[in-house]
């Protein structure tokens, strides 16, 4: 994730982050299923998506601590 993408994530509201988290989780589930079926060429995309989910969760936890 680039620095500009991280800044965009930080500027989003809590609701937007939750929606993004749900979308990313669904995408990860589909990607894992397709990986097991042998349909995915880029296996690194699973790792990248997991890290993106972790970043979103970190931002949500930081927001929770502030409030």
PDB file of N, CA and C in Angstrom:
ATOM      1  N   UNK A   1       0.857  -1.169   0.000  1.00  0.00           N
ATOM      2  CA  UNK A   1       0.000   0.000   0.000  1.00  0.00           C
ATOM      3  C   UNK A   1       0.905   1.235   0.000  1.00  0.00           C
ATOM      4  N   UNK A   2       0.598   2.129  -0.882  1.00  0.00           N
ATOM      5  CA  UNK A   2       1.389   3.344  -0.995  1.00  0.00           C
ATOM      6  C   UNK A   2       1.008   4.335   0.099  1.00  0.00           C
ATOM      7  N   UNK A   3       1.871   5.295   0.311  1.00  0.00           N
ATOM      8  CA  UNK A   3       1.662   6.302   1.347  1.00  0.00           C
ATOM      9  C   UNK A   3       0.388   7.101   1.098  1.00  0.00           C
ATOM     10  N   UNK A   4       0.111   7.406  -0.164  1.00  0.00           N
ATOM     11  CA  UNK A   4      -1.096   8.176  -0.484  1.00  0.00           C
ATOM     12  C   UNK A   4      -2.357   7.357  -0.208  1.00  0.00           C
ATOM     13  N   UNK A   5      -2.295   6.047  -0.455  1.00  0.00           N
ATOM     14  CA  UNK A   5      -3.443   5.192  -0.172  1.00  0.00           C
ATOM     15  C   UNK A   5      -3.698   5.104   1.329  1.00  0.00           C
ATOM     16  N   UNK A   6      -2.634   5.103   2.108  1.00  0.00           N
ATOM     17  CA  UNK A   6      -2.774   5.061   3.559  1.00  0.00           C
ATOM     18  C   UNK A   6      -3.391   6.360   4.079  1.00  0.00           C
ATOM     19  N   UNK A   7      -3.017   7.478   3.497  1.00  0.00           N
ATOM     20  CA  UNK A   7      -3.608   8.755   3.885  1.00  0.00           C
ATOM     21  C   UNK A   7      -5.095   8.789   3.556  1.00  0.00           C
ATOM     22  N   UNK A   8      -5.466   8.190   2.430  1.00  0.00           N
ATOM     23  CA  UNK A   8      -6.885   8.131   2.060  1.00  0.00           C
ATOM     24  C   UNK A   8      -7.657   7.279   3.058  1.00  0.00           C
ATOM     25  N   UNK A   9      -7.054   6.193   3.504  1.00  0.00           N
ATOM     26  CA  UNK A   9      -7.712   5.342   4.495  1.00  0.00           C
ATOM     27  C   UNK A   9      -7.922   6.094   5.805  1.00  0.00           C
ATOM     28  N   UNK A  10      -6.916   6.854   6.213  1.00  0.00           N
ATOM     29  CA  UNK A  10      -7.006   7.593   7.475  1.00  0.00           C
ATOM     30  C   UNK A  10      -8.082   8.667   7.427  1.00  0.00           C
ATOM     31  N   UNK A  11      -8.383   9.170   6.251  1.00  0.00           N
ATOM     32  CA  UNK A  11      -9.364  10.243   6.130  1.00  0.00           C
ATOM     33  C   UNK A  11     -10.803   9.715   6.068  1.00  0.00           C
ATOM     34  N   UNK A  12     -10.981   8.415   5.969  1.00  0.00           N
ATOM     35  CA  UNK A  12     -12.325   7.839   5.873  1.00  0.00           C
ATOM     36  C   UNK A  12     -12.988   7.761   7.243  1.00  0.00           C
ATOM     37  N   UNK A  13     -14.310   7.740   7.212  1.00  0.00           N
ATOM     38  CA  UNK A  13     -15.068   7.642   8.459  1.00  0.00           C
ATOM     39  C   UNK A  13     -15.106   6.188   8.928  1.00  0.00           C
ATOM     40  N   UNK A  14     -15.598   6.013  10.141  1.00  0.00           N
ATOM     41  CA  UNK A  14     -15.685   4.686  10.726  1.00  0.00           C
ATOM     42  C   UNK A  14     -16.578   3.764   9.893  1.00  0.00           C
ATOM     43  N   UNK A  15     -17.706   4.288   9.441  1.00  0.00           N
ATOM     44  CA  UNK A  15     -18.644   3.491   8.655  1.00  0.00           C
ATOM     45  C   UNK A  15     -18.033   3.064   7.325  1.00  0.00           C
ATOM     46  N   UNK A  16     -17.298   3.978   6.699  1.00  0.00           N
ATOM     47  CA  UNK A  16     -16.640   3.646   5.437  1.00  0.00           C
ATOM     48  C   UNK A  16     -15.584   2.566   5.642  1.00  0.00           C
ATOM     49  N   UNK A  17     -14.861   2.649   6.745  1.00  0.00           N
ATOM     50  CA  UNK A  17     -13.843   1.642   7.031  1.00  0.00           C
ATOM     51  C   UNK A  17     -14.469   0.273   7.285  1.00  0.00           C
ATOM     52  N   UNK A  18     -15.600   0.252   7.997  1.00  0.00           N
ATOM     53  CA  UNK A  18     -16.286  -1.014   8.230  1.00  0.00           C
ATOM     54  C   UNK A  18     -16.766  -1.624   6.914  1.00  0.00           C
ATOM     55  N   UNK A  19     -17.286  -0.777   6.041  1.00  0.00           N
ATOM     56  CA  UNK A  19     -17.760  -1.269   4.734  1.00  0.00           C
ATOM     57  C   UNK A  19     -16.587  -1.811   3.925  1.00  0.00           C
ATOM     58  N   UNK A  20     -15.466  -1.100   3.951  1.00  0.00           N
ATOM     59  CA  UNK A  20     -14.275  -1.533   3.245  1.00  0.00           C
ATOM     60  C   UNK A  20     -13.744  -2.842   3.828  1.00  0.00           C
ATOM     61  N   UNK A  21     -13.844  -2.977   5.142  1.00  0.00           N
ATOM     62  CA  UNK A  21     -13.409  -4.201   5.807  1.00  0.00           C
ATOM     63  C   UNK A  21     -14.259  -5.390   5.375  1.00  0.00           C
ATOM     64  N   UNK A  22     -15.569  -5.191   5.321  1.00  0.00           N
ATOM     65  CA  UNK A  22     -16.457  -6.269   4.881  1.00  0.00           C
ATOM     66  C   UNK A  22     -16.193  -6.665   3.427  1.00  0.00           C
ATOM     67  N   UNK A  23     -15.996  -5.671   2.578  1.00  0.00           N
ATOM     68  CA  UNK A  23     -15.704  -5.946   1.167  1.00  0.00           C
ATOM     69  C   UNK A  23     -14.380  -6.696   1.014  1.00  0.00           C
ATOM     70  N   UNK A  24     -13.373  -6.267   1.764  1.00  0.00           N
ATOM     71  CA  UNK A  24     -12.065  -6.904   1.674  1.00  0.00           C
ATOM     72  C   UNK A  24     -12.109  -8.328   2.213  1.00  0.00           C
ATOM     73  N   UNK A  25     -12.868  -8.538   3.268  1.00  0.00           N
ATOM     74  CA  UNK A  25     -12.985  -9.887   3.832  1.00  0.00           C
ATOM     75  C   UNK A  25     -13.672 -10.827   2.844  1.00  0.00           C
ATOM     76  N   UNK A  26     -14.706 -10.336   2.184  1.00  0.00           N
ATOM     77  CA  UNK A  26     -15.406 -11.138   1.181  1.00  0.00           C
ATOM     78  C   UNK A  26     -14.477 -11.440   0.007  1.00  0.00           C
ATOM     79  N   UNK A  27     -13.707 -10.444  -0.395  1.00  0.00           N
ATOM     80  CA  UNK A  27     -12.772 -10.616  -1.492  1.00  0.00           C
ATOM     81  C   UNK A  27     -11.699 -11.650  -1.135  1.00  0.00           C
ATOM     82  N   UNK A  28     -11.223 -11.607   0.111  1.00  0.00           N
ATOM     83  CA  UNK A  28     -10.221 -12.565   0.568  1.00  0.00           C
ATOM     84  C   UNK A  28     -10.792 -13.977   0.575  1.00  0.00           C
ATOM     85  N   UNK A  29     -12.022 -14.118   1.015  1.00  0.00           N
ATOM     86  CA  UNK A  29     -12.666 -15.428   1.035  1.00  0.00           C
ATOM     87  C   UNK A  29     -12.768 -15.997  -0.384  1.00  0.00           C
ATOM     88  N   UNK A  30     -13.207 -15.172  -1.322  1.00  0.00           N
ATOM     89  CA  UNK A  30     -13.313 -15.607  -2.712  1.00  0.00           C
ATOM     90  C   UNK A  30     -11.941 -15.958  -3.293  1.00  0.00           C
ATOM     91  N   UNK A  31     -10.946 -15.142  -2.939  1.00  0.00           N
ATOM     92  CA  UNK A  31      -9.600 -15.361  -3.447  1.00  0.00           C
ATOM     93  C   UNK A  31      -9.025 -16.675  -2.916  1.00  0.00           C
ATOM     94  N   UNK A  32      -9.256 -16.963  -1.646  1.00  0.00           N
ATOM     95  CA  UNK A  32      -8.776 -18.229  -1.068  1.00  0.00           C
ATOM     96  C   UNK A  32      -9.466 -19.424  -1.720  1.00  0.00           C
ATOM     97  N   UNK A  33     -10.760 -19.289  -1.986  1.00  0.00           N
ATOM     98  CA  UNK A  33     -11.497 -20.358  -2.637  1.00  0.00           C
ATOM     99  C   UNK A  33     -10.955 -20.604  -4.044  1.00  0.00           C
ATOM    100  N   UNK A  34     -10.740 -19.529  -4.785  1.00  0.00           N
ATOM    101  CA  UNK A  34     -10.205 -19.658  -6.142  1.00  0.00           C
ATOM    102  C   UNK A  34      -8.770 -20.165  -6.139  1.00  0.00           C
ATOM    103  N   UNK A  35      -8.015 -19.832  -5.110  1.00  0.00           N
ATOM    104  CA  UNK A  35      -6.644 -20.315  -4.989  1.00  0.00           C
ATOM    105  C   UNK A  35      -6.637 -21.829  -4.799  1.00  0.00           C
ATOM    106  N   UNK A  36      -7.539 -22.322  -3.965  1.00  0.00           N
ATOM    107  CA  UNK A  36      -7.634 -23.761  -3.737  1.00  0.00           C
ATOM    108  C   UNK A  36      -8.078 -24.495  -5.001  1.00  0.00           C
ATOM    109  N   UNK A  37      -8.880 -23.836  -5.814  1.00  0.00           N
ATOM    110  CA  UNK A  37      -9.354 -24.438  -7.057  1.00  0.00           C
ATOM    111  C   UNK A  37      -8.320 -24.323  -8.178  1.00  0.00           C
ATOM    112  N   UNK A  38      -7.255 -23.566  -7.929  1.00  0.00           N
ATOM    113  CA  UNK A  38      -6.204 -23.420  -8.934  1.00  0.00           C
ATOM    114  C   UNK A  38      -6.487 -22.378  -9.983  1.00  0.00           C
ATOM    115  N   UNK A  39      -7.377 -21.446  -9.689  1.00  0.00           N
ATOM    116  CA  UNK A  39      -7.749 -20.424 -10.669  1.00  0.00           C
ATOM    117  C   UNK A  39      -6.921 -19.146 -10.551  1.00  0.00           C
ATOM    118  N   UNK A  40      -6.169 -18.994  -9.470  1.00  0.00           N
ATOM    119  CA  UNK A  40      -5.431 -17.753  -9.212  1.00  0.00           C
ATOM    120  C   UNK A  40      -3.978 -17.917  -9.638  1.00  0.00           C
ATOM    121  N   UNK A  41      -3.506 -16.994 -10.448  1.00  0.00           N
ATOM    122  CA  UNK A  41      -2.108 -17.012 -10.885  1.00  0.00           C
ATOM    123  C   UNK A  41      -1.210 -16.263  -9.891  1.00  0.00           C
ATOM    124  N   UNK A  42      -1.722 -15.165  -9.339  1.00  0.00           N
ATOM    125  CA  UNK A  42      -0.933 -14.318  -8.453  1.00  0.00           C
ATOM    126  C   UNK A  42      -1.239 -14.671  -6.995  1.00  0.00           C
ATOM    127  N   UNK A  43      -0.448 -15.561  -6.414  1.00  0.00           N
ATOM    128  CA  UNK A  43      -0.709 -16.000  -5.046  1.00  0.00           C
ATOM    129  C   UNK A  43      -0.324 -14.931  -4.025  1.00  0.00           C
ATOM    130  N   UNK A  44       0.495 -13.996  -4.424  1.00  0.00           N
ATOM    131  CA  UNK A  44       0.916 -12.923  -3.527  1.00  0.00           C
ATOM    132  C   UNK A  44      -0.243 -11.986  -3.183  1.00  0.00           C
ATOM    133  N   UNK A  45      -1.253 -11.958  -4.004  1.00  0.00           N
ATOM    134  CA  UNK A  45      -2.391 -11.072  -3.771  1.00  0.00           C
ATOM    135  C   UNK A  45      -3.107 -11.418  -2.461  1.00  0.00           C
ATOM    136  N   UNK A  46      -3.036 -12.681  -2.043  1.00  0.00           N
ATOM    137  CA  UNK A  46      -3.633 -13.073  -0.761  1.00  0.00           C
ATOM    138  C   UNK A  46      -2.907 -12.357   0.375  1.00  0.00           C
ATOM    139  N   UNK A  47      -1.584 -12.368   0.328  1.00  0.00           N
ATOM    140  CA  UNK A  47      -0.787 -11.725   1.371  1.00  0.00           C
ATOM    141  C   UNK A  47      -1.031 -10.221   1.412  1.00  0.00           C
ATOM    142  N   UNK A  48      -1.104  -9.596   0.250  1.00  0.00           N
ATOM    143  CA  UNK A  48      -1.327  -8.154   0.168  1.00  0.00           C
ATOM    144  C   UNK A  48      -2.694  -7.792   0.738  1.00  0.00           C
ATOM    145  N   UNK A  49      -3.699  -8.588   0.403  1.00  0.00           N
ATOM    146  CA  UNK A  49      -5.051  -8.326   0.885  1.00  0.00           C
ATOM    147  C   UNK A  49      -5.146  -8.507   2.397  1.00  0.00           C
ATOM    148  N   UNK A  50      -4.459  -9.511   2.935  1.00  0.00           N
ATOM    149  CA  UNK A  50      -4.459  -9.717   4.385  1.00  0.00           C
ATOM    150  C   UNK A  50      -3.816  -8.533   5.110  1.00  0.00           C
ATOM    151  N   UNK A  51      -2.767  -7.995   4.532  1.00  0.00           N
ATOM    152  CA  UNK A  51      -2.110  -6.836   5.138  1.00  0.00           C
ATOM    153  C   UNK A  51      -2.997  -5.595   5.076  1.00  0.00           C
ATOM    154  N   UNK A  52      -3.734  -5.442   3.983  1.00  0.00           N
ATOM    155  CA  UNK A  52      -4.665  -4.324   3.865  1.00  0.00           C
ATOM    156  C   UNK A  52      -5.768  -4.427   4.925  1.00  0.00           C
ATOM    157  N   UNK A  53      -6.262  -5.632   5.149  1.00  0.00           N
ATOM    158  CA  UNK A  53      -7.281  -5.847   6.183  1.00  0.00           C
ATOM    159  C   UNK A  53      -6.712  -5.508   7.553  1.00  0.00           C
ATOM    160  N   UNK A  54      -5.474  -5.892   7.805  1.00  0.00           N
ATOM    161  CA  UNK A  54      -4.837  -5.581   9.081  1.00  0.00           C
ATOM    162  C   UNK A  54      -4.691  -4.072   9.271  1.00  0.00           C
ATOM    163  N   UNK A  55      -4.385  -3.353   8.207  1.00  0.00           N
ATOM    164  CA  UNK A  55      -4.272  -1.892   8.302  1.00  0.00           C
ATOM    165  C   UNK A  55      -5.617  -1.255   8.636  1.00  0.00           C
ATOM    166  N   UNK A  56      -6.668  -1.764   8.014  1.00  0.00           N
ATOM    167  CA  UNK A  56      -8.008  -1.233   8.288  1.00  0.00           C
ATOM    168  C   UNK A  56      -8.388  -1.493   9.735  1.00  0.00           C
ATOM    169  N   UNK A  57      -8.121  -2.708  10.211  1.00  0.00           N
ATOM    170  CA  UNK A  57      -8.429  -3.038  11.608  1.00  0.00           C
ATOM    171  C   UNK A  57      -7.625  -2.172  12.582  1.00  0.00           C
ATOM    172  N   UNK A  58      -6.385  -1.893  12.243  1.00  0.00           N
ATOM    173  CA  UNK A  58      -5.561  -1.033  13.089  1.00  0.00           C
ATOM    174  C   UNK A  58      -6.151   0.366  13.174  1.00  0.00           C
ATOM    175  N   UNK A  59      -6.577   0.910  12.045  1.00  0.00           N
ATOM    176  CA  UNK A  59      -7.180   2.243  12.043  1.00  0.00           C
ATOM    177  C   UNK A  59      -8.468   2.259  12.863  1.00  0.00           C
ATOM    178  N   UNK A  60      -9.279   1.209  12.742  1.00  0.00           N
ATOM    179  CA  UNK A  60     -10.522   1.145  13.512  1.00  0.00           C
ATOM    180  C   UNK A  60     -10.229   1.069  15.014  1.00  0.00           C
ATOM    181  N   UNK A  61      -9.216   0.308  15.390  1.00  0.00           N
ATOM    182  CA  UNK A  61      -8.854   0.215  16.803  1.00  0.00           C
ATOM    183  C   UNK A  61      -8.315   1.538  17.327  1.00  0.00           C
ATOM    184  N   UNK A  62      -7.574   2.268  16.507  1.00  0.00           N
ATOM    185  CA  UNK A  62      -7.084   3.578  16.914  1.00  0.00           C
ATOM    186  C   UNK A  62      -8.229   4.536  17.123  1.00  0.00           C
ATOM    187  N   UNK A  63      -9.232   4.476  16.261  1.00  0.00           N
ATOM    188  CA  UNK A  63     -10.400   5.339  16.411  1.00  0.00           C
ATOM    189  C   UNK A  63     -11.164   5.000  17.685  1.00  0.00           C
ATOM    190  N   UNK A  64     -11.207   3.728  18.004  1.00  0.00           N
ATOM    191  CA  UNK A  64     -11.918   3.277  19.194  1.00  0.00           C
ATOM    192  C   UNK A  64     -11.230   3.793  20.466  1.00  0.00           C
ATOM    193  N   UNK A  65      -9.906   3.822  20.465  1.00  0.00           N
ATOM    194  CA  UNK A  65      -9.152   4.294  21.622  1.00  0.00           C
ATOM    195  C   UNK A  65      -9.301   5.792  21.821  1.00  0.00           C
ATOM    196  N   UNK A  66      -9.439   6.524  20.742  1.00  0.00           N
ATOM    197  CA  UNK A  66      -9.566   7.982  20.824  1.00  0.00           C
ATOM    198  C   UNK A  66     -10.904   8.355  21.460  1.00  0.00           C
ATOM    199  N   UNK A  67     -11.958   7.662  21.080  1.00  0.00           N
ATOM    200  CA  UNK A  67     -13.295   7.986  21.581  1.00  0.00           C
ATOM    201  C   UNK A  67     -13.477   7.427  22.906  1.00  0.00           C
TER     202      UNK A  67
END
